[in-house]
Amino acid sequence: MKLSVLAGAAVALLATGALQAQDAFNRDPAQVRAGRYNLDPAHSKITWSVNHLGFSTYTGQFAGGTGTLQIDPKSPQAAKLEVKVDTTQVGTLNEALDKHLKTADFLDVANHPTATFRSTSLKLVDKDTADITGELTLRGVTKPVTIRADFHQSGVNPLDKTYSLGFDGTTKIKRSDFGVNYAVPMVGDEVTLHLEAEFKLAPAA
């Protein structure tokens, strides 16, 4: 009898702790802590998709990356985002295709091993959505791109105890704008990018 009472108490404590942890998260971007954040490469990625010969939508990913986000909820329009992606890490789970994507037909990683995005402006769409406009540099070509970003939540990550925030975003680009003309139009020129990003608050200087 005592064992079942103890077990019940333990379950109640665990449930209370889980609720408290959940309560610590905040889905209101106006409550985000101001400061400089570093991109968490272990939990951030870019998924790209393109029409393949009209038969399918083919997808691949760029994992990881490095970057910073400077943000103050009192002045969200002044936020600054900079991200660098290692193009040599492109992945499709197809070894032969991955090798081809790294050649001059596509990403030309020997000459352009990184792609970068630097924001130039941010415009609020609603409470938790914003259009982030910036300059995307791919294969040495720089073009303006606007990302529609949706805020997820902020709060202390229960695993590493670090204040974190996350969002995802989408945009579309024409790969031919960046000199990637191989197999256009049989393989689609328009590429959809889905970005998922988690950021960690950097320690105060």
C-alpha atoms as a PDB file:
ATOM      1  CA  MET A   1       0.000   0.000   0.000  1.00  0.00           C
ATOM      2  CA  LYS A   2       2.819   2.343   0.918  1.00  0.00           C
ATOM      3  CA  LEU A   3       4.551   1.564  -2.373  1.00  0.00           C
ATOM      4  CA  SER A   4       1.501   2.518  -4.404  1.00  0.00           C
ATOM      5  CA  VAL A   5       1.131   5.763  -2.441  1.00  0.00           C
ATOM      6  CA  LEU A   6       4.777   6.601  -3.098  1.00  0.00           C
ATOM      7  CA  ALA A   7       4.371   5.728  -6.762  1.00  0.00           C
ATOM      8  CA  GLY A   8       1.328   7.958  -7.032  1.00  0.00           C
ATOM      9  CA  ALA A   9       3.179  10.821  -5.379  1.00  0.00           C
ATOM     10  CA  ALA A  10       6.116  10.382  -7.762  1.00  0.00           C
ATOM     11  CA  VAL A  11       3.813  10.488 -10.782  1.00  0.00           C
ATOM     12  CA  ALA A  12       2.134  13.632  -9.445  1.00  0.00           C
ATOM     13  CA  LEU A  13       5.502  15.326  -8.906  1.00  0.00           C
ATOM     14  CA  LEU A  14       6.664  14.413 -12.402  1.00  0.00           C
ATOM     15  CA  ALA A  15       3.439  15.699 -13.913  1.00  0.00           C
ATOM     16  CA  THR A  16       3.732  18.943 -11.949  1.00  0.00           C
ATOM     17  CA  GLY A  17       7.318  19.371 -13.089  1.00  0.00           C
ATOM     18  CA  ALA A  18       6.335  18.779 -16.713  1.00  0.00           C
ATOM     19  CA  LEU A  19       3.580  21.357 -16.454  1.00  0.00           C
ATOM     20  CA  GLN A  20       5.924  23.881 -14.885  1.00  0.00           C
ATOM     21  CA  ALA A  21       8.470  23.317 -17.638  1.00  0.00           C
ATOM     22  CA  GLN A  22       5.785  23.794 -20.271  1.00  0.00           C
ATOM     23  CA  ASP A  23       4.562  26.945 -18.543  1.00  0.00           C
ATOM     24  CA  ALA A  24       8.105  28.345 -18.799  1.00  0.00           C
ATOM     25  CA  PHE A  25       7.846  28.390 -22.588  1.00  0.00           C
ATOM     26  CA  ASN A  26       6.433  31.507 -24.210  1.00  0.00           C
ATOM     27  CA  ARG A  27       4.860  31.729 -27.646  1.00  0.00           C
ATOM     28  CA  ASP A  28       4.594  35.505 -27.608  1.00  0.00           C
ATOM     29  CA  PRO A  29       7.550  36.982 -29.556  1.00  0.00           C
ATOM     30  CA  ALA A  30       7.089  40.253 -27.668  1.00  0.00           C
ATOM     31  CA  GLN A  31       8.373  38.436 -24.562  1.00  0.00           C
ATOM     32  CA  VAL A  32      11.638  37.226 -26.106  1.00  0.00           C
ATOM     33  CA  ARG A  33      14.770  38.214 -24.218  1.00  0.00           C
ATOM     34  CA  ALA A  34      16.755  40.866 -26.065  1.00  0.00           C
ATOM     35  CA  GLY A  35      20.276  39.934 -27.019  1.00  0.00           C
ATOM     36  CA  ARG A  36      22.559  38.087 -29.388  1.00  0.00           C
ATOM     37  CA  TYR A  37      21.740  34.497 -30.236  1.00  0.00           C
ATOM     38  CA  ASN A  38      23.834  31.779 -31.874  1.00  0.00           C
ATOM     39  CA  LEU A  39      22.357  29.268 -34.297  1.00  0.00           C
ATOM     40  CA  ASP A  40      22.167  25.732 -32.915  1.00  0.00           C
ATOM     41  CA  PRO A  41      23.518  23.608 -35.808  1.00  0.00           C
ATOM     42  CA  ALA A  42      22.340  20.340 -34.252  1.00  0.00           C
ATOM     43  CA  HIS A  43      18.694  21.427 -34.493  1.00  0.00           C
ATOM     44  CA  SER A  44      18.637  23.595 -37.605  1.00  0.00           C
ATOM     45  CA  LYS A  45      18.417  22.660 -41.265  1.00  0.00           C
ATOM     46  CA  ILE A  46      17.266  23.739 -44.710  1.00  0.00           C
ATOM     47  CA  THR A  47      15.074  21.420 -46.740  1.00  0.00           C
ATOM     48  CA  TRP A  48      14.887  22.165 -50.461  1.00  0.00           C
ATOM     49  CA  SER A  49      12.399  20.798 -52.968  1.00  0.00           C
ATOM     50  CA  VAL A  50      12.222  20.958 -56.747  1.00  0.00           C
ATOM     51  CA  ASN A  51      10.028  19.536 -59.513  1.00  0.00           C
ATOM     52  CA  HIS A  52      11.713  16.518 -61.091  1.00  0.00           C
ATOM     53  CA  LEU A  53      10.681  15.978 -64.720  1.00  0.00           C
ATOM     54  CA  GLY A  54       7.052  16.515 -63.745  1.00  0.00           C
ATOM     55  CA  PHE A  55       6.966  13.072 -62.115  1.00  0.00           C
ATOM     56  CA  SER A  56       7.778  13.997 -58.548  1.00  0.00           C
ATOM     57  CA  THR A  57       8.863  16.671 -56.103  1.00  0.00           C
ATOM     58  CA  TYR A  58      12.412  15.831 -55.135  1.00  0.00           C
ATOM     59  CA  THR A  59      13.844  16.946 -51.786  1.00  0.00           C
ATOM     60  CA  GLY A  60      17.200  17.250 -50.085  1.00  0.00           C
ATOM     61  CA  GLN A  61      18.727  19.042 -47.143  1.00  0.00           C
ATOM     62  CA  PHE A  62      21.537  21.204 -45.891  1.00  0.00           C
ATOM     63  CA  ALA A  63      22.119  20.388 -42.234  1.00  0.00           C
ATOM     64  CA  GLY A  64      23.838  22.483 -39.622  1.00  0.00           C
ATOM     65  CA  GLY A  65      25.232  25.869 -40.474  1.00  0.00           C
ATOM     66  CA  THR A  66      26.429  28.749 -38.327  1.00  0.00           C
ATOM     67  CA  GLY A  67      24.858  32.097 -37.677  1.00  0.00           C
ATOM     68  CA  THR A  68      23.753  34.829 -35.328  1.00  0.00           C
ATOM     69  CA  LEU A  69      20.517  36.639 -34.560  1.00  0.00           C
ATOM     70  CA  GLN A  70      20.484  40.026 -32.850  1.00  0.00           C
ATOM     71  CA  ILE A  71      17.002  40.895 -31.630  1.00  0.00           C
ATOM     72  CA  ASP A  72      15.146  43.221 -29.265  1.00  0.00           C
ATOM     73  CA  PRO A  73      11.366  42.677 -28.975  1.00  0.00           C
ATOM     74  CA  LYS A  74      10.942  46.408 -28.364  1.00  0.00           C
ATOM     75  CA  SER A  75      12.302  47.061 -31.851  1.00  0.00           C
ATOM     76  CA  PRO A  76      11.777  43.882 -33.902  1.00  0.00           C
ATOM     77  CA  GLN A  77      12.248  45.691 -37.220  1.00  0.00           C
ATOM     78  CA  ALA A  78      15.882  46.300 -36.254  1.00  0.00           C
ATOM     79  CA  ALA A  79      16.659  42.575 -35.896  1.00  0.00           C
ATOM     80  CA  LYS A  80      19.732  41.298 -37.718  1.00  0.00           C
ATOM     81  CA  LEU A  81      20.162  37.741 -38.997  1.00  0.00           C
ATOM     82  CA  GLU A  82      23.301  36.273 -40.537  1.00  0.00           C
ATOM     83  CA  VAL A  83      23.643  32.621 -41.519  1.00  0.00           C
ATOM     84  CA  LYS A  84      26.355  30.628 -43.281  1.00  0.00           C
ATOM     85  CA  VAL A  85      25.652  27.197 -44.768  1.00  0.00           C
ATOM     86  CA  ASP A  86      28.246  24.575 -45.695  1.00  0.00           C
ATOM     87  CA  THR A  87      27.196  23.560 -49.225  1.00  0.00           C
ATOM     88  CA  THR A  88      29.539  20.554 -49.142  1.00  0.00           C
ATOM     89  CA  GLN A  89      27.089  18.992 -46.678  1.00  0.00           C
ATOM     90  CA  VAL A  90      24.194  18.742 -49.142  1.00  0.00           C
ATOM     91  CA  GLY A  91      22.355  15.467 -48.645  1.00  0.00           C
ATOM     92  CA  THR A  92      19.655  13.493 -50.451  1.00  0.00           C
ATOM     93  CA  LEU A  93      20.321   9.949 -49.150  1.00  0.00           C
ATOM     94  CA  ASN A  94      21.542   9.162 -52.684  1.00  0.00           C
ATOM     95  CA  GLU A  95      25.340   9.021 -52.844  1.00  0.00           C
ATOM     96  CA  ALA A  96      25.586   9.417 -56.620  1.00  0.00           C
ATOM     97  CA  LEU A  97      23.232  12.396 -56.653  1.00  0.00           C
ATOM     98  CA  ASP A  98      24.996  14.043 -53.719  1.00  0.00           C
ATOM     99  CA  LYS A  99      28.260  13.801 -55.641  1.00  0.00           C
ATOM    100  CA  HIS A 100      26.654  15.320 -58.751  1.00  0.00           C
ATOM    101  CA  LEU A 101      25.100  18.190 -56.771  1.00  0.00           C
ATOM    102  CA  LYS A 102      28.565  19.194 -55.583  1.00  0.00           C
ATOM    103  CA  THR A 103      29.922  19.562 -59.125  1.00  0.00           C
ATOM    104  CA  ALA A 104      29.933  22.677 -61.328  1.00  0.00           C
ATOM    105  CA  ASP A 105      26.589  21.535 -62.787  1.00  0.00           C
ATOM    106  CA  PHE A 106      24.955  22.582 -59.542  1.00  0.00           C
ATOM    107  CA  LEU A 107      26.600  23.945 -56.378  1.00  0.00           C
ATOM    108  CA  ASP A 108      30.254  23.927 -57.518  1.00  0.00           C
ATOM    109  CA  VAL A 109      31.400  23.387 -53.933  1.00  0.00           C
ATOM    110  CA  ALA A 110      35.087  23.292 -54.923  1.00  0.00           C
ATOM    111  CA  ASN A 111      34.889  27.014 -55.686  1.00  0.00           C
ATOM    112  CA  HIS A 112      31.906  27.990 -53.529  1.00  0.00           C
ATOM    113  CA  PRO A 113      31.871  25.856 -50.360  1.00  0.00           C
ATOM    114  CA  THR A 114      29.497  28.161 -48.490  1.00  0.00           C
ATOM    115  CA  ALA A 115      26.237  30.021 -49.032  1.00  0.00           C
ATOM    116  CA  THR A 116      25.293  33.029 -46.897  1.00  0.00           C
ATOM    117  CA  PHE A 117      22.220  35.030 -45.977  1.00  0.00           C
ATOM    118  CA  ARG A 118      22.392  38.503 -44.415  1.00  0.00           C
ATOM    119  CA  SER A 119      19.171  40.291 -43.516  1.00  0.00           C
ATOM    120  CA  THR A 120      18.596  43.881 -44.582  1.00  0.00           C
ATOM    121  CA  SER A 121      15.090  44.475 -43.217  1.00  0.00           C
ATOM    122  CA  LEU A 122      12.302  42.854 -41.219  1.00  0.00           C
ATOM    123  CA  LYS A 123       8.609  43.594 -41.609  1.00  0.00           C
ATOM    124  CA  LEU A 124       5.998  42.275 -39.195  1.00  0.00           C
ATOM    125  CA  VAL A 125       3.063  40.519 -40.860  1.00  0.00           C
ATOM    126  CA  ASP A 126       1.167  39.701 -37.680  1.00  0.00           C
ATOM    127  CA  LYS A 127       1.896  38.910 -34.028  1.00  0.00           C
ATOM    128  CA  ASP A 128       4.193  35.957 -34.687  1.00  0.00           C
ATOM    129  CA  THR A 129       4.997  36.182 -38.417  1.00  0.00           C
ATOM    130  CA  ALA A 130       7.514  38.382 -40.186  1.00  0.00           C
ATOM    131  CA  ASP A 131       9.016  38.849 -43.642  1.00  0.00           C
ATOM    132  CA  ILE A 132      12.794  38.855 -43.397  1.00  0.00           C
ATOM    133  CA  THR A 133      14.387  40.355 -46.504  1.00  0.00           C
ATOM    134  CA  GLY A 134      18.079  39.973 -47.121  1.00  0.00           C
ATOM    135  CA  GLU A 135      20.869  39.069 -49.508  1.00  0.00           C
ATOM    136  CA  LEU A 136      21.433  35.421 -50.403  1.00  0.00           C
ATOM    137  CA  THR A 137      24.836  34.580 -51.843  1.00  0.00           C
ATOM    138  CA  LEU A 138      25.053  31.240 -53.651  1.00  0.00           C
ATOM    139  CA  ARG A 139      27.771  30.174 -56.074  1.00  0.00           C
ATOM    140  CA  GLY A 140      29.238  33.660 -55.755  1.00  0.00           C
ATOM    141  CA  VAL A 141      26.028  35.356 -56.928  1.00  0.00           C
ATOM    142  CA  THR A 142      24.102  37.643 -54.580  1.00  0.00           C
ATOM    143  CA  LYS A 143      20.356  38.215 -54.962  1.00  0.00           C
ATOM    144  CA  PRO A 144      17.610  39.667 -52.720  1.00  0.00           C
ATOM    145  CA  VAL A 145      15.404  37.058 -51.027  1.00  0.00           C
ATOM    146  CA  THR A 146      12.466  37.383 -48.628  1.00  0.00           C
ATOM    147  CA  ILE A 147      11.793  34.678 -46.041  1.00  0.00           C
ATOM    148  CA  ARG A 148       8.339  34.330 -44.467  1.00  0.00           C
ATOM    149  CA  ALA A 149       9.243  33.405 -40.880  1.00  0.00           C
ATOM    150  CA  ASP A 150       6.907  31.990 -38.226  1.00  0.00           C
ATOM    151  CA  PHE A 151       7.891  32.202 -34.555  1.00  0.00           C
ATOM    152  CA  HIS A 152       7.507  29.014 -32.480  1.00  0.00           C
ATOM    153  CA  GLN A 153       8.425  29.776 -28.891  1.00  0.00           C
ATOM    154  CA  SER A 154      11.119  30.930 -26.488  1.00  0.00           C
ATOM    155  CA  GLY A 155      12.198  29.677 -23.099  1.00  0.00           C
ATOM    156  CA  VAL A 156      14.815  27.694 -21.234  1.00  0.00           C
ATOM    157  CA  ASN A 157      15.614  24.464 -23.050  1.00  0.00           C
ATOM    158  CA  PRO A 158      15.065  21.694 -20.448  1.00  0.00           C
ATOM    159  CA  LEU A 159      17.957  19.657 -21.873  1.00  0.00           C
ATOM    160  CA  ASP A 160      20.838  22.145 -21.884  1.00  0.00           C
ATOM    161  CA  LYS A 161      19.280  24.772 -19.547  1.00  0.00           C
ATOM    162  CA  THR A 162      19.993  27.513 -22.113  1.00  0.00           C
ATOM    163  CA  TYR A 163      17.485  30.208 -23.017  1.00  0.00           C
ATOM    164  CA  SER A 164      16.460  29.432 -26.602  1.00  0.00           C
ATOM    165  CA  LEU A 165      14.056  30.443 -29.322  1.00  0.00           C
ATOM    166  CA  GLY A 166      12.971  28.897 -32.587  1.00  0.00           C
ATOM    167  CA  PHE A 167      11.187  29.612 -35.827  1.00  0.00           C
ATOM    168  CA  ASP A 168      10.753  28.194 -39.269  1.00  0.00           C
ATOM    169  CA  GLY A 169      10.546  29.940 -42.601  1.00  0.00           C
ATOM    170  CA  THR A 170       9.881  29.454 -46.275  1.00  0.00           C
ATOM    171  CA  THR A 171      10.979  31.130 -49.463  1.00  0.00           C
ATOM    172  CA  LYS A 172      11.303  30.367 -53.161  1.00  0.00           C
ATOM    173  CA  ILE A 173      14.227  31.114 -55.438  1.00  0.00           C
ATOM    174  CA  LYS A 174      15.073  30.552 -59.091  1.00  0.00           C
ATOM    175  CA  ARG A 175      18.265  28.548 -59.233  1.00  0.00           C
ATOM    176  CA  SER A 176      19.088  29.956 -62.660  1.00  0.00           C
ATOM    177  CA  ASP A 177      19.414  33.380 -60.981  1.00  0.00           C
ATOM    178  CA  PHE A 178      22.452  31.933 -59.220  1.00  0.00           C
ATOM    179  CA  GLY A 179      23.976  30.293 -62.288  1.00  0.00           C
ATOM    180  CA  VAL A 180      22.558  26.818 -61.623  1.00  0.00           C
ATOM    181  CA  ASN A 181      21.157  26.134 -65.086  1.00  0.00           C
ATOM    182  CA  TYR A 182      21.699  22.389 -65.419  1.00  0.00           C
ATOM    183  CA  ALA A 183      18.636  20.531 -66.792  1.00  0.00           C
ATOM    184  CA  VAL A 184      16.328  23.572 -66.682  1.00  0.00           C
ATOM    185  CA  PRO A 185      13.393  23.355 -67.394  1.00  0.00           C
ATOM    186  CA  MET A 186      13.138  19.548 -67.213  1.00  0.00           C
ATOM    187  CA  VAL A 187      14.221  19.805 -63.595  1.00  0.00           C
ATOM    188  CA  GLY A 188      12.421  22.803 -62.125  1.00  0.00           C
ATOM    189  CA  ASP A 189      14.022  26.213 -62.023  1.00  0.00           C
ATOM    190  CA  GLU A 190      11.976  27.227 -58.964  1.00  0.00           C
ATOM    191  CA  VAL A 191      13.288  25.801 -55.703  1.00  0.00           C
ATOM    192  CA  THR A 192      11.320  25.930 -52.461  1.00  0.00           C
ATOM    193  CA  LEU A 193      13.373  26.338 -49.286  1.00  0.00           C
ATOM    194  CA  HIS A 194      11.996  25.391 -45.870  1.00  0.00           C
ATOM    195  CA  LEU A 195      14.160  26.615 -43.022  1.00  0.00           C
ATOM    196  CA  GLU A 196      14.040  25.364 -39.452  1.00  0.00           C
ATOM    197  CA  ALA A 197      16.153  27.197 -36.890  1.00  0.00           C
ATOM    198  CA  GLU A 198      16.836  27.088 -33.171  1.00  0.00           C
ATOM    199  CA  PHE A 199      18.932  29.799 -31.529  1.00  0.00           C
ATOM    200  CA  LYS A 200      20.725  29.896 -28.154  1.00  0.00           C
ATOM    201  CA  LEU A 201      21.143  33.122 -26.196  1.00  0.00           C
ATOM    202  CA  ALA A 202      24.847  34.011 -26.115  1.00  0.00           C
ATOM    203  CA  PRO A 203      26.419  34.763 -22.731  1.00  0.00           C
ATOM    204  CA  ALA A 204      26.572  38.461 -21.898  1.00  0.00           C
ATOM    205  CA  ALA A 205      29.925  40.025 -22.749  1.00  0.00           C
END
